[in-house]
């Protein structure tokens, strides 16, 4: 995914984030609507009117995609899946789901929930556009509503294409999974379908560009590139999870981690720990109880002249769920948590006690080793 993400709000306990790519897409789409679409369908307005309509349309598209993704997420929750966040990105949205659907039925219902929300939304916008017709004082709002009706219908239909990770691709995976009983094989087939579909969009976009179709051709190329990348990434992720089947954090972690005392001066931490061990951070343990961690990031904020007197507990980073994982968890859960939070190292706990650390490089090494042995 391009760039970073910004948290906007929380809905039904789900964090709503927006990828910085949305700034680019919003500006580009607003310009295209203000300079092309709206002047074409309604002549004679001032530029401020066209731009106002365009901004409202882009915000309406944003809300439509969010409702589409919320529909997926709420159905997923009904099947017991934990949905942490929804991120709106360059050309759509994606829910952060740490576990895979438990059954083909769950996959199917989750997949069709998005289009099932977009279709009535298209109908609502269409009826609003009819009610606010050319003779209405709010005719321009009706024009925007009509445009959003078309977009939501396109969103629903396009997402039903049998190309993973689009909704139609997930429907295809659910059907193949149900027939074969093999989730891994179903994912492989659906991902290949998605990759081929993405290549088709890229080829169509390039051909259209060469024949002078303009901006719409660029959309096809960008969309095709994303679908192909997402399909290949999803296939690789499925293979990784399959390789980690049955592997536990307890079997992969490094035991006896180097810990520091909260009463230790920062200067002592630097001299006897940071210079000595090449670790990203050090767990802070008080009388056997894990209370947090400390890294170079926290140490740098302490003025050099005060490091001999300031104790570690004053700069300790508090414990969060992002930095710890239970010893009872699986290695696949640890990897999913690292990918979701951006952490490359987790502290492994048993209650309030730290019993080890697990690094992403250790998990990926295990995956690579199992893949090599499987191919030999």
Protein backbone atom coordinates (compact mmCIF):
# COMPACT_ATOMS: atom_id res chain seq x y z
CA UNK A 1 0.00 0.00 0.00
CA UNK A 2 1.26 3.47 -0.87
CA UNK A 3 2.47 5.81 1.86
CA UNK A 4 1.19 5.93 5.42
CA UNK A 5 -2.25 5.86 7.01
CA UNK A 6 -4.08 8.47 9.06
CA UNK A 7 -6.75 7.57 11.60
CA UNK A 8 -10.00 9.48 11.07
CA UNK A 9 -12.50 8.05 13.56
CA UNK A 10 -13.93 4.86 15.06
CA UNK A 11 -17.21 3.27 13.93
CA UNK A 12 -18.70 0.24 15.75
CA UNK A 13 -15.33 -0.18 17.45
CA UNK A 14 -13.52 -0.34 14.09
CA UNK A 15 -10.80 2.22 13.40
CA UNK A 16 -11.33 4.10 10.15
CA UNK A 17 -8.07 5.06 8.47
CA UNK A 18 -7.27 6.78 5.19
CA UNK A 19 -4.16 6.11 3.17
CA UNK A 20 -2.29 9.20 1.99
CA UNK A 21 -2.91 8.04 -1.58
CA UNK A 22 -6.48 9.30 -1.09
CA UNK A 23 -5.17 12.87 -1.15
CA UNK A 24 -3.84 12.20 -4.64
CA UNK A 25 -6.95 10.41 -5.85
CA UNK A 26 -9.32 13.02 -4.37
CA UNK A 27 -7.46 15.88 -6.04
CA UNK A 28 -7.25 14.07 -9.39
CA UNK A 29 -10.88 12.98 -9.38
CA UNK A 30 -12.10 16.42 -8.29
CA UNK A 31 -10.17 18.02 -11.14
CA UNK A 32 -11.53 15.50 -13.68
CA UNK A 33 -15.12 16.11 -12.54
CA UNK A 34 -14.80 19.90 -12.36
CA UNK A 35 -13.10 20.23 -15.73
CA UNK A 36 -14.74 17.40 -17.62
CA UNK A 37 -17.81 15.53 -16.39
CA UNK A 38 -19.99 18.17 -14.74
CA UNK A 39 -19.43 20.90 -17.39
CA UNK A 40 -20.37 18.30 -20.01
CA UNK A 41 -23.65 17.28 -18.38
CA UNK A 42 -24.64 20.78 -17.21
CA UNK A 43 -23.30 23.76 -19.15
CA UNK A 44 -23.21 27.42 -18.17
CA UNK A 45 -22.18 27.27 -14.51
CA UNK A 46 -19.31 29.09 -12.85
CA UNK A 47 -16.12 27.22 -12.00
CA UNK A 48 -16.82 27.53 -8.27
CA UNK A 49 -20.06 25.61 -8.82
CA UNK A 50 -18.35 22.83 -10.73
CA UNK A 51 -15.65 22.54 -8.10
CA UNK A 52 -18.19 22.50 -5.27
CA UNK A 53 -20.13 19.72 -6.97
CA UNK A 54 -16.91 17.79 -7.56
CA UNK A 55 -15.79 18.00 -3.93
CA UNK A 56 -19.22 16.84 -2.72
CA UNK A 57 -19.12 13.96 -5.21
CA UNK A 58 -15.66 12.86 -4.02
CA UNK A 59 -16.80 12.96 -0.38
CA UNK A 60 -19.87 10.94 -1.38
CA UNK A 61 -17.63 8.37 -3.05
CA UNK A 62 -15.49 8.23 0.09
CA UNK A 63 -18.58 7.57 2.22
CA UNK A 64 -19.87 4.97 -0.26
CA UNK A 65 -16.64 2.97 -0.17
CA UNK A 66 -16.61 3.18 3.61
CA UNK A 67 -20.16 1.78 3.83
CA UNK A 68 -19.18 -0.97 1.38
CA UNK A 69 -16.26 -2.00 3.60
CA UNK A 70 -18.30 -1.68 6.80
CA UNK A 71 -20.79 -4.17 5.36
CA UNK A 72 -17.96 -6.67 4.83
CA UNK A 73 -16.63 -6.05 8.34
CA UNK A 74 -19.93 -6.37 10.18
CA UNK A 75 -20.69 -9.70 8.50
CA UNK A 76 -17.15 -10.85 9.36
CA UNK A 77 -17.78 -9.96 13.00
CA UNK A 78 -20.98 -11.99 12.94
CA UNK A 79 -18.78 -15.02 12.17
CA UNK A 80 -16.48 -14.24 15.08
CA UNK A 81 -13.66 -12.61 13.10
CA UNK A 82 -11.80 -9.72 14.70
CA UNK A 83 -11.84 -6.59 12.51
CA UNK A 84 -9.42 -4.00 13.86
CA UNK A 85 -9.61 -1.32 11.19
CA UNK A 86 -10.68 -0.27 7.71
CA UNK A 87 -8.21 1.58 5.53
CA UNK A 88 -9.42 3.57 2.52
CA UNK A 89 -6.67 3.64 -0.09
CA UNK A 90 -6.01 4.74 -3.66
CA UNK A 91 -8.96 3.08 -5.41
CA UNK A 92 -11.05 1.42 -2.72
CA UNK A 93 -10.85 0.07 0.80
CA UNK A 94 -9.48 -2.82 2.82
CA UNK A 95 -10.45 -4.27 6.19
CA UNK A 96 -7.72 -5.48 8.56
CA UNK A 97 -8.72 -9.06 9.38
CA UNK A 98 -6.18 -11.04 11.40
CA UNK A 99 -7.81 -14.42 10.80
CA UNK A 100 -9.18 -16.05 7.67
CA UNK A 101 -12.88 -16.95 7.27
CA UNK A 102 -13.64 -20.18 9.15
CA UNK A 103 -15.85 -21.75 6.45
CA UNK A 104 -16.71 -21.32 2.74
CA UNK A 105 -20.14 -20.05 3.80
CA UNK A 106 -18.59 -17.32 5.92
CA UNK A 107 -16.31 -16.32 3.03
CA UNK A 108 -19.26 -16.20 0.62
CA UNK A 109 -21.51 -14.08 2.84
CA UNK A 110 -18.68 -11.71 3.73
CA UNK A 111 -17.82 -11.26 0.05
CA UNK A 112 -21.33 -10.46 -1.17
CA UNK A 113 -22.05 -8.09 1.75
CA UNK A 114 -20.17 -5.23 0.07
CA UNK A 115 -22.02 -5.29 -3.28
CA UNK A 116 -25.24 -5.96 -1.37
CA UNK A 117 -24.71 -2.63 0.38
CA UNK A 118 -23.62 -0.71 -2.74
CA UNK A 119 -26.68 -1.67 -4.84
CA UNK A 120 -29.35 -0.19 -2.50
CA UNK A 121 -27.07 2.79 -1.96
CA UNK A 122 -27.05 3.31 -5.73
CA UNK A 123 -30.84 3.11 -5.69
CA UNK A 124 -31.06 5.68 -2.90
CA UNK A 125 -28.83 8.12 -4.80
CA UNK A 126 -30.83 7.49 -7.99
CA UNK A 127 -34.14 8.28 -6.30
CA UNK A 128 -32.60 11.39 -4.75
CA UNK A 129 -31.45 12.49 -8.19
CA UNK A 130 -34.96 11.99 -9.58
CA UNK A 131 -36.55 13.91 -6.72
CA UNK A 132 -34.14 16.80 -7.23
CA UNK A 133 -34.67 17.05 -10.97
CA UNK A 134 -33.82 19.93 -13.34
CA UNK A 135 -36.73 22.04 -12.08
CA UNK A 136 -35.78 21.66 -8.41
CA UNK A 137 -34.00 24.48 -6.52
CA UNK A 138 -31.47 21.84 -5.51
CA UNK A 139 -30.98 20.54 -9.06
CA UNK A 140 -27.20 20.62 -8.77
CA UNK A 141 -27.35 18.38 -5.70
CA UNK A 142 -29.56 16.03 -7.70
CA UNK A 143 -26.94 15.96 -10.44
CA UNK A 144 -24.28 14.92 -7.92
CA UNK A 145 -26.64 12.27 -6.51
CA UNK A 146 -27.17 10.87 -10.00
CA UNK A 147 -23.42 10.62 -10.48
CA UNK A 148 -23.01 8.82 -7.14
CA UNK A 149 -25.78 6.41 -8.13
CA UNK A 150 -23.78 5.41 -11.21
CA UNK A 151 -20.55 5.11 -9.20
CA UNK A 152 -22.11 2.82 -6.60
CA UNK A 153 -23.59 0.61 -9.28
CA UNK A 154 -20.22 0.42 -11.04
CA UNK A 155 -18.57 -0.32 -7.66
CA UNK A 156 -20.94 -3.21 -7.05
CA UNK A 157 -20.69 -4.70 -10.55
CA UNK A 158 -16.92 -4.31 -10.88
CA UNK A 159 -16.31 -5.88 -7.47
CA UNK A 160 -18.25 -8.96 -8.57
CA UNK A 161 -15.62 -9.76 -11.23
CA UNK A 162 -14.23 -13.24 -10.40
CA UNK A 163 -10.76 -11.89 -9.65
CA UNK A 164 -9.20 -12.14 -6.20
CA UNK A 165 -9.00 -10.00 -4.06
CA UNK A 166 -12.16 -8.38 -5.47
CA UNK A 167 -15.42 -9.52 -3.92
CA UNK A 168 -16.19 -11.73 -6.91
CA UNK A 169 -12.81 -13.38 -6.48
CA UNK A 170 -13.63 -14.13 -2.86
CA UNK A 171 -16.94 -15.62 -4.00
CA UNK A 172 -14.96 -17.78 -6.44
CA UNK A 173 -12.60 -18.84 -3.65
CA UNK A 174 -15.55 -19.76 -1.43
CA UNK A 175 -17.06 -21.92 -4.19
CA UNK A 176 -13.75 -23.64 -5.02
CA UNK A 177 -13.05 -24.13 -1.32
CA UNK A 178 -16.48 -25.69 -0.83
CA UNK A 179 -16.00 -28.07 -3.79
CA UNK A 180 -12.38 -29.09 -3.12
CA UNK A 181 -12.34 -28.78 0.66
CA UNK A 182 -8.87 -27.23 0.26
CA UNK A 183 -8.53 -23.58 1.32
CA UNK A 184 -4.95 -23.33 0.06
CA UNK A 185 -5.81 -24.62 -3.41
CA UNK A 186 -8.87 -22.37 -3.60
CA UNK A 187 -6.74 -19.35 -2.73
CA UNK A 188 -4.15 -20.29 -5.38
CA UNK A 189 -6.76 -20.60 -8.12
CA UNK A 190 -8.62 -17.41 -7.15
CA UNK A 191 -5.33 -15.48 -6.92
CA UNK A 192 -4.24 -16.66 -10.37
CA UNK A 193 -7.61 -15.51 -11.71
CA UNK A 194 -7.02 -12.12 -10.08
CA UNK A 195 -3.52 -11.84 -11.51
CA UNK A 196 -4.76 -12.64 -15.03
CA UNK A 197 -7.62 -10.15 -14.65
CA UNK A 198 -5.16 -7.47 -13.53
CA UNK A 199 -2.92 -8.13 -16.54
CA UNK A 200 -5.99 -7.86 -18.77
CA UNK A 201 -6.86 -4.46 -17.33
CA UNK A 202 -3.28 -3.26 -17.81
CA UNK A 203 -3.27 -4.40 -21.45
CA UNK A 204 -6.66 -2.81 -22.08
CA UNK A 205 -5.50 0.43 -20.48
CA UNK A 206 -2.33 0.57 -22.59
CA UNK A 207 -4.29 -0.13 -25.79
CA UNK A 208 -6.81 2.57 -24.88
CA UNK A 209 -4.00 5.00 -24.11
CA UNK A 210 -2.43 4.37 -27.52
CA UNK A 211 -5.77 5.03 -29.22
CA UNK A 212 -6.23 8.37 -27.47
CA UNK A 213 -8.78 7.48 -24.77
CA UNK A 214 -7.00 9.72 -22.24
CA UNK A 215 -7.43 9.66 -18.44
CA UNK A 216 -9.74 6.64 -18.33
CA UNK A 217 -6.92 4.54 -19.79
CA UNK A 218 -4.63 5.54 -16.93
CA UNK A 219 -7.28 4.42 -14.39
CA UNK A 220 -7.36 0.98 -16.00
CA UNK A 221 -3.57 0.62 -15.84
CA UNK A 222 -3.41 1.72 -12.19
CA UNK A 223 -6.30 -0.54 -11.21
CA UNK A 224 -4.82 -3.48 -13.09
CA UNK A 225 -1.45 -3.01 -11.41
CA UNK A 226 -3.04 -2.94 -7.97
CA UNK A 227 -5.23 -6.01 -8.56
CA UNK A 228 -2.29 -8.01 -9.90
CA UNK A 229 -0.07 -6.96 -7.00
CA UNK A 230 -2.79 -7.68 -4.41
CA UNK A 231 -3.59 -11.08 -5.96
CA UNK A 232 0.06 -12.17 -5.95
CA UNK A 233 0.56 -10.83 -2.41
CA UNK A 234 -2.54 -12.66 -1.17
CA UNK A 235 -1.31 -15.90 -2.69
CA UNK A 236 2.10 -15.51 -1.06
CA UNK A 237 0.45 -14.69 2.27
CA UNK A 238 -1.71 -17.81 2.04
CA UNK A 239 1.38 -19.96 1.39
CA UNK A 240 3.09 -18.37 4.40
CA UNK A 241 0.15 -19.10 6.68
CA UNK A 242 0.02 -22.67 5.37
CA UNK A 243 3.73 -23.11 6.14
CA UNK A 244 3.13 -21.87 9.68
CA UNK A 245 0.26 -24.27 10.35
CA UNK A 246 0.84 -25.95 13.71
CA UNK A 247 3.80 -23.72 14.57
CA UNK A 248 3.54 -21.97 17.94
CA UNK A 249 5.17 -18.83 19.26
CA UNK A 250 6.65 -20.97 22.04
CA UNK A 251 8.54 -23.06 19.46
CA UNK A 252 9.87 -20.09 17.46
CA UNK A 253 10.70 -17.48 20.10
CA UNK A 254 14.07 -16.68 21.64
CA UNK A 255 14.03 -17.48 25.34
CA UNK A 256 15.78 -15.67 28.18
CA UNK A 257 15.62 -12.19 26.64
CA UNK A 258 17.96 -9.50 27.93
CA UNK A 259 15.87 -7.29 30.25
CA UNK A 260 16.64 -4.11 32.17
CA UNK A 261 15.57 -2.75 35.55
CA UNK A 262 13.35 0.35 35.76
CA UNK A 263 15.70 1.81 38.40
CA UNK A 264 18.76 1.58 36.17
CA UNK A 265 20.22 4.98 35.10
CA UNK A 266 19.91 5.70 31.39
CA UNK A 267 23.71 6.07 31.17
CA UNK A 268 24.13 2.51 32.48
CA UNK A 269 21.58 1.28 29.93
CA UNK A 270 23.59 2.86 27.11
CA UNK A 271 27.01 1.70 28.28
CA UNK A 272 26.22 -1.88 29.33
CA UNK A 273 23.27 -2.79 27.11
CA UNK A 274 22.90 -0.67 23.99
CA UNK A 275 26.58 -0.75 23.14
CA UNK A 276 26.77 -4.47 23.93
CA UNK A 277 23.60 -5.97 22.38
CA UNK A 278 22.26 -5.29 18.84
CA UNK A 279 18.62 -5.32 19.94
CA UNK A 280 15.80 -3.03 18.78
CA UNK A 281 14.57 -2.52 22.33
CA UNK A 282 14.93 -3.91 25.84
CA UNK A 283 12.03 -5.20 27.97
CA UNK A 284 11.75 -3.38 31.30
CA UNK A 285 11.03 -5.79 34.18
CA UNK A 286 10.23 -4.81 37.76
CA UNK A 287 10.45 -7.70 40.26
CA UNK A 288 9.60 -10.25 37.58
CA UNK A 289 6.71 -8.21 36.15
CA UNK A 290 6.94 -6.83 32.61
CA UNK A 291 6.12 -3.11 32.75
CA UNK A 292 7.18 -1.89 29.30
CA UNK A 293 10.16 -1.47 27.00
CA UNK A 294 12.85 1.06 26.17
CA UNK A 295 14.64 1.72 22.90
CA UNK A 296 17.05 4.16 21.30
CA UNK A 297 14.08 6.35 20.40
CA UNK A 298 13.30 7.03 24.07
CA UNK A 299 16.96 7.32 25.10
CA UNK A 300 17.70 10.00 22.49
CA UNK A 301 15.22 12.34 24.15
CA UNK A 302 17.23 12.40 27.39
CA UNK A 303 19.85 15.21 27.40
CA UNK A 304 23.40 13.76 27.65
CA UNK A 305 24.08 15.66 30.88
CA UNK A 306 21.07 14.05 32.61
CA UNK A 307 21.55 10.42 31.56
CA UNK A 308 23.52 9.51 34.70
CA UNK A 309 20.69 10.59 37.01
CA UNK A 310 17.47 9.82 35.14
CA UNK A 311 16.23 6.23 35.71
CA UNK A 312 14.89 4.04 32.92
CA UNK A 313 11.35 4.02 34.33
CA UNK A 314 10.97 7.72 33.45
CA UNK A 315 11.37 6.97 29.74
CA UNK A 316 9.84 3.48 29.62
CA UNK A 317 7.34 2.95 26.84
CA UNK A 318 4.14 1.50 28.39
CA UNK A 319 2.91 -1.94 27.40
CA UNK A 320 0.41 -2.17 24.54
CA UNK A 321 -1.20 -5.06 22.69
CA UNK A 322 0.85 -4.07 19.64
CA UNK A 323 4.15 -5.00 21.31
CA UNK A 324 3.24 -8.21 23.15
CA UNK A 325 1.81 -11.61 22.31
CA UNK A 326 0.80 -14.58 24.45
CA UNK A 327 2.99 -17.66 24.54
CA UNK A 328 -0.12 -19.67 23.65
CA UNK A 329 -0.50 -17.87 20.29
CA UNK A 330 0.49 -19.37 16.95
CA UNK A 331 3.39 -18.18 14.85
CA UNK A 332 0.88 -17.20 12.13
CA UNK A 333 -0.91 -14.93 14.63
CA UNK A 334 2.41 -13.34 15.57
CA UNK A 335 3.25 -12.65 11.92
CA UNK A 336 -0.22 -11.21 11.26
CA UNK A 337 0.15 -8.92 14.29
CA UNK A 338 3.55 -7.72 13.10
CA UNK A 339 2.23 -6.98 9.63
CA UNK A 340 -0.80 -5.15 11.00
CA UNK A 341 1.13 -3.00 13.51
CA UNK A 342 4.45 -2.53 11.73
CA UNK A 343 6.40 -4.16 14.58
CA UNK A 344 9.26 -6.51 13.69
CA UNK A 345 9.77 -7.84 17.23
CA UNK A 346 7.24 -8.85 19.87
CA UNK A 347 7.62 -9.62 23.58
CA UNK A 348 6.18 -13.04 24.44
CA UNK A 349 4.29 -13.10 27.71
CA UNK A 350 2.74 -15.55 30.13
CA UNK A 351 0.43 -13.42 32.24
CA UNK A 352 2.50 -10.44 33.40
CA UNK A 353 5.79 -12.30 32.92
CA UNK A 354 8.03 -12.07 29.85
CA UNK A 355 9.25 -15.45 28.68
CA UNK A 356 10.85 -14.59 25.35
CA UNK A 357 10.86 -12.47 22.22
CA UNK A 358 9.89 -13.37 18.65
CA UNK A 359 11.24 -11.57 15.59
CA UNK A 360 9.76 -11.40 12.10
CA UNK A 361 13.07 -12.54 10.61
CA UNK A 362 12.85 -15.75 12.67
CA UNK A 363 9.33 -16.49 11.41
CA UNK A 364 10.25 -15.78 7.78
CA UNK A 365 13.35 -17.96 8.12
CA UNK A 366 11.13 -20.81 9.31
CA UNK A 367 8.78 -20.28 6.36
CA UNK A 368 11.71 -20.25 3.91
CA UNK A 369 13.17 -23.40 5.45
CA UNK A 370 9.88 -25.30 5.27
CA UNK A 371 9.33 -24.20 1.66
CA UNK A 372 12.83 -25.38 0.71
CA UNK A 373 12.36 -28.75 2.37
CA UNK A 374 8.93 -29.16 0.77
CA UNK A 375 10.41 -28.60 -2.71
CA UNK A 376 13.39 -30.91 -2.19
